[in-house]
Amino acid sequence: MTGQIVETDSRGRASLGRPGRRYLMHEESDGTLVLEPATVVTELERRFLANAALQAQIDYARAHPGQRVPRRSRRGR
């Protein structure tokens, strides 16, 4: 991979290419800035991804739709 010179604007900003992309940035001890592509995850998504038991329940429910318990409609109240 060849190097690329990046010039900042008058406010110290540099274009990273395509707009709308997010990066997690950290600075190395020598001043090097490292950008890693990042995805924002909501707190609810993070909690779901950390809950293996809930994921297993959902996987089981998807694999066994005949055992599903229908929910009552809220419209009839």
N, C-alpha and C. Protein backbone atom coordinates (compact mmCIF):
# COMPACT_ATOMS: atom_id res chain seq x y z
N MET A 1 0.85 -1.18 0.00
CA MET A 1 0.00 0.00 0.00
C MET A 1 0.89 1.24 0.00
N THR A 2 0.59 2.18 -0.86
CA THR A 2 1.39 3.39 -0.94
C THR A 2 0.85 4.43 0.03
N GLY A 3 1.74 5.30 0.50
CA GLY A 3 1.33 6.36 1.41
C GLY A 3 0.54 7.43 0.69
N GLN A 4 -0.17 8.20 1.47
CA GLN A 4 -0.98 9.27 0.91
C GLN A 4 -0.80 10.50 1.78
N ILE A 5 -0.57 11.63 1.14
CA ILE A 5 -0.43 12.88 1.87
C ILE A 5 -1.82 13.48 2.06
N VAL A 6 -2.11 13.85 3.29
CA VAL A 6 -3.40 14.46 3.61
C VAL A 6 -3.14 15.87 4.11
N GLU A 7 -3.81 16.83 3.50
CA GLU A 7 -3.63 18.22 3.90
C GLU A 7 -4.88 18.67 4.65
N THR A 8 -4.67 19.33 5.77
CA THR A 8 -5.80 19.81 6.56
C THR A 8 -6.24 21.18 6.07
N ASP A 9 -7.50 21.51 6.36
CA ASP A 9 -7.99 22.83 5.98
C ASP A 9 -7.62 23.84 7.08
N SER A 10 -8.13 25.06 6.97
CA SER A 10 -7.75 26.12 7.91
C SER A 10 -8.19 25.83 9.35
N ARG A 11 -9.14 24.90 9.52
CA ARG A 11 -9.62 24.54 10.85
C ARG A 11 -9.00 23.24 11.35
N GLY A 12 -8.02 22.71 10.63
CA GLY A 12 -7.33 21.49 11.06
C GLY A 12 -8.06 20.21 10.71
N ARG A 13 -9.01 20.28 9.79
CA ARG A 13 -9.78 19.11 9.40
C ARG A 13 -9.20 18.48 8.15
N ALA A 14 -9.35 17.17 8.05
CA ALA A 14 -8.90 16.44 6.86
C ALA A 14 -10.04 15.58 6.34
N SER A 15 -10.17 15.48 5.04
CA SER A 15 -11.19 14.64 4.43
C SER A 15 -10.74 13.19 4.46
N LEU A 16 -11.62 12.30 4.85
CA LEU A 16 -11.29 10.87 4.90
C LEU A 16 -11.89 10.10 3.73
N GLY A 17 -12.39 10.79 2.75
CA GLY A 17 -12.96 10.09 1.60
C GLY A 17 -14.47 10.18 1.61
N ARG A 18 -15.11 9.04 1.62
CA ARG A 18 -16.56 9.00 1.54
C ARG A 18 -17.21 9.63 2.78
N PRO A 19 -18.19 10.50 2.57
CA PRO A 19 -18.87 11.11 3.71
C PRO A 19 -19.77 10.08 4.43
N GLY A 20 -20.02 10.32 5.70
CA GLY A 20 -20.91 9.47 6.45
C GLY A 20 -20.27 8.25 7.09
N ARG A 21 -18.99 8.05 6.91
CA ARG A 21 -18.31 6.92 7.53
C ARG A 21 -17.82 7.34 8.90
N ARG A 22 -17.81 6.38 9.82
CA ARG A 22 -17.37 6.66 11.19
C ARG A 22 -16.09 5.88 11.47
N TYR A 23 -15.25 6.50 12.28
CA TYR A 23 -13.98 5.89 12.64
C TYR A 23 -13.75 6.07 14.13
N LEU A 24 -13.15 5.07 14.74
CA LEU A 24 -12.68 5.18 16.11
C LEU A 24 -11.21 5.56 16.02
N MET A 25 -10.84 6.68 16.63
CA MET A 25 -9.49 7.18 16.49
C MET A 25 -8.75 7.09 17.83
N HIS A 26 -7.50 6.67 17.76
CA HIS A 26 -6.65 6.77 18.93
C HIS A 26 -5.26 7.21 18.49
N GLU A 27 -4.55 7.78 19.43
CA GLU A 27 -3.23 8.32 19.13
C GLU A 27 -2.16 7.44 19.76
N GLU A 28 -1.19 7.05 18.96
CA GLU A 28 -0.06 6.27 19.45
C GLU A 28 0.90 7.19 20.21
N SER A 29 1.82 6.62 20.97
CA SER A 29 2.74 7.41 21.77
C SER A 29 3.63 8.32 20.92
N ASP A 30 3.85 7.94 19.65
CA ASP A 30 4.68 8.77 18.78
C ASP A 30 3.89 9.84 18.04
N GLY A 31 2.60 9.97 18.36
CA GLY A 31 1.76 10.99 17.74
C GLY A 31 0.99 10.50 16.53
N THR A 32 1.20 9.26 16.13
CA THR A 32 0.48 8.69 14.99
C THR A 32 -1.00 8.53 15.34
N LEU A 33 -1.87 9.00 14.45
CA LEU A 33 -3.30 8.83 14.64
C LEU A 33 -3.74 7.57 13.90
N VAL A 34 -4.43 6.68 14.60
CA VAL A 34 -4.91 5.44 14.00
C VAL A 34 -6.42 5.51 13.94
N LEU A 35 -6.99 5.30 12.74
CA LEU A 35 -8.43 5.33 12.54
C LEU A 35 -8.91 3.92 12.21
N GLU A 36 -9.88 3.43 12.97
CA GLU A 36 -10.45 2.12 12.72
C GLU A 36 -11.91 2.32 12.33
N PRO A 37 -12.38 1.69 11.23
CA PRO A 37 -13.80 1.80 10.88
C PRO A 37 -14.65 1.35 12.08
N ALA A 38 -15.73 2.08 12.34
CA ALA A 38 -16.55 1.80 13.52
C ALA A 38 -18.02 1.81 13.16
N THR A 39 -18.79 1.11 13.97
CA THR A 39 -20.24 1.09 13.86
C THR A 39 -20.81 1.46 15.23
N VAL A 40 -21.78 2.33 15.24
CA VAL A 40 -22.41 2.73 16.49
C VAL A 40 -23.47 1.69 16.85
N VAL A 41 -23.43 1.23 18.10
CA VAL A 41 -24.39 0.25 18.60
C VAL A 41 -25.13 0.90 19.77
N THR A 42 -26.46 0.81 19.75
CA THR A 42 -27.23 1.40 20.85
C THR A 42 -27.01 0.59 22.12
N GLU A 43 -27.34 1.18 23.25
CA GLU A 43 -27.22 0.49 24.54
C GLU A 43 -28.09 -0.77 24.54
N LEU A 44 -29.28 -0.69 23.98
CA LEU A 44 -30.17 -1.86 23.94
C LEU A 44 -29.55 -2.99 23.10
N GLU A 45 -28.97 -2.65 21.95
CA GLU A 45 -28.29 -3.66 21.13
C GLU A 45 -27.10 -4.27 21.87
N ARG A 46 -26.35 -3.44 22.56
CA ARG A 46 -25.19 -3.94 23.31
C ARG A 46 -25.63 -4.92 24.37
N ARG A 47 -26.71 -4.58 25.10
CA ARG A 47 -27.20 -5.49 26.13
C ARG A 47 -27.71 -6.79 25.53
N PHE A 48 -28.38 -6.72 24.38
CA PHE A 48 -28.85 -7.93 23.70
C PHE A 48 -27.68 -8.81 23.28
N LEU A 49 -26.66 -8.21 22.68
CA LEU A 49 -25.51 -8.97 22.22
C LEU A 49 -24.73 -9.60 23.38
N ALA A 50 -24.82 -9.01 24.56
CA ALA A 50 -24.12 -9.54 25.72
C ALA A 50 -24.94 -10.61 26.46
N ASN A 51 -26.20 -10.80 26.05
CA ASN A 51 -27.09 -11.73 26.75
C ASN A 51 -27.24 -13.02 25.93
N ALA A 52 -26.36 -13.97 26.16
CA ALA A 52 -26.37 -15.23 25.40
C ALA A 52 -27.65 -16.03 25.63
N ALA A 53 -28.20 -15.98 26.85
CA ALA A 53 -29.41 -16.73 27.16
C ALA A 53 -30.60 -16.21 26.34
N LEU A 54 -30.73 -14.91 26.23
CA LEU A 54 -31.81 -14.33 25.43
C LEU A 54 -31.64 -14.68 23.96
N GLN A 55 -30.42 -14.61 23.46
CA GLN A 55 -30.17 -14.98 22.07
C GLN A 55 -30.55 -16.43 21.82
N ALA A 56 -30.24 -17.32 22.77
CA ALA A 56 -30.57 -18.74 22.63
C ALA A 56 -32.09 -18.93 22.62
N GLN A 57 -32.81 -18.19 23.47
CA GLN A 57 -34.27 -18.28 23.48
C GLN A 57 -34.86 -17.85 22.14
N ILE A 58 -34.34 -16.78 21.58
CA ILE A 58 -34.84 -16.30 20.29
C ILE A 58 -34.51 -17.29 19.19
N ASP A 59 -33.30 -17.84 19.19
CA ASP A 59 -32.94 -18.85 18.19
C ASP A 59 -33.86 -20.07 18.29
N TYR A 60 -34.15 -20.50 19.52
CA TYR A 60 -35.03 -21.65 19.72
C TYR A 60 -36.44 -21.34 19.20
N ALA A 61 -36.95 -20.15 19.53
CA ALA A 61 -38.29 -19.77 19.08
C ALA A 61 -38.37 -19.72 17.56
N ARG A 62 -37.32 -19.25 16.92
CA ARG A 62 -37.32 -19.20 15.45
C ARG A 62 -37.25 -20.60 14.85
N ALA A 63 -36.54 -21.50 15.51
CA ALA A 63 -36.40 -22.87 15.00
C ALA A 63 -37.65 -23.72 15.26
N HIS A 64 -38.49 -23.31 16.21
CA HIS A 64 -39.67 -24.08 16.58
C HIS A 64 -40.92 -23.18 16.58
N PRO A 65 -41.35 -22.70 15.41
CA PRO A 65 -42.48 -21.77 15.37
C PRO A 65 -43.80 -22.41 15.82
N GLY A 66 -43.91 -23.74 15.77
CA GLY A 66 -45.14 -24.40 16.19
C GLY A 66 -45.38 -24.31 17.69
N GLN A 67 -44.37 -24.04 18.46
CA GLN A 67 -44.50 -23.94 19.91
C GLN A 67 -44.79 -22.51 20.38
N ARG A 68 -45.00 -21.65 19.41
CA ARG A 68 -45.23 -20.24 19.72
C ARG A 68 -46.54 -20.04 20.48
N VAL A 69 -46.55 -19.16 21.44
CA VAL A 69 -47.76 -18.81 22.18
C VAL A 69 -48.26 -17.49 21.63
N PRO A 70 -49.47 -17.50 21.02
CA PRO A 70 -49.97 -16.25 20.43
C PRO A 70 -50.25 -15.20 21.50
N ARG A 71 -50.01 -13.97 21.14
CA ARG A 71 -50.27 -12.85 22.05
C ARG A 71 -51.66 -12.31 21.78
N ARG A 72 -52.31 -11.84 22.81
CA ARG A 72 -53.63 -11.25 22.64
C ARG A 72 -53.49 -9.84 22.07
N SER A 73 -54.41 -9.48 21.24
CA SER A 73 -54.40 -8.15 20.62
C SER A 73 -54.73 -7.08 21.65
N ARG A 74 -54.07 -5.97 21.57
CA ARG A 74 -54.38 -4.84 22.46
C ARG A 74 -55.56 -4.03 21.96
N ARG A 75 -55.96 -4.25 20.73
CA ARG A 75 -57.07 -3.48 20.15
C ARG A 75 -58.40 -3.80 20.81
N GLY A 76 -58.56 -5.00 21.32
CA GLY A 76 -59.82 -5.43 21.89
C GLY A 76 -60.11 -4.89 23.27
N ARG A 77 -59.25 -4.11 23.82
CA ARG A 77 -59.43 -3.60 25.19
C ARG A 77 -60.48 -2.55 25.27
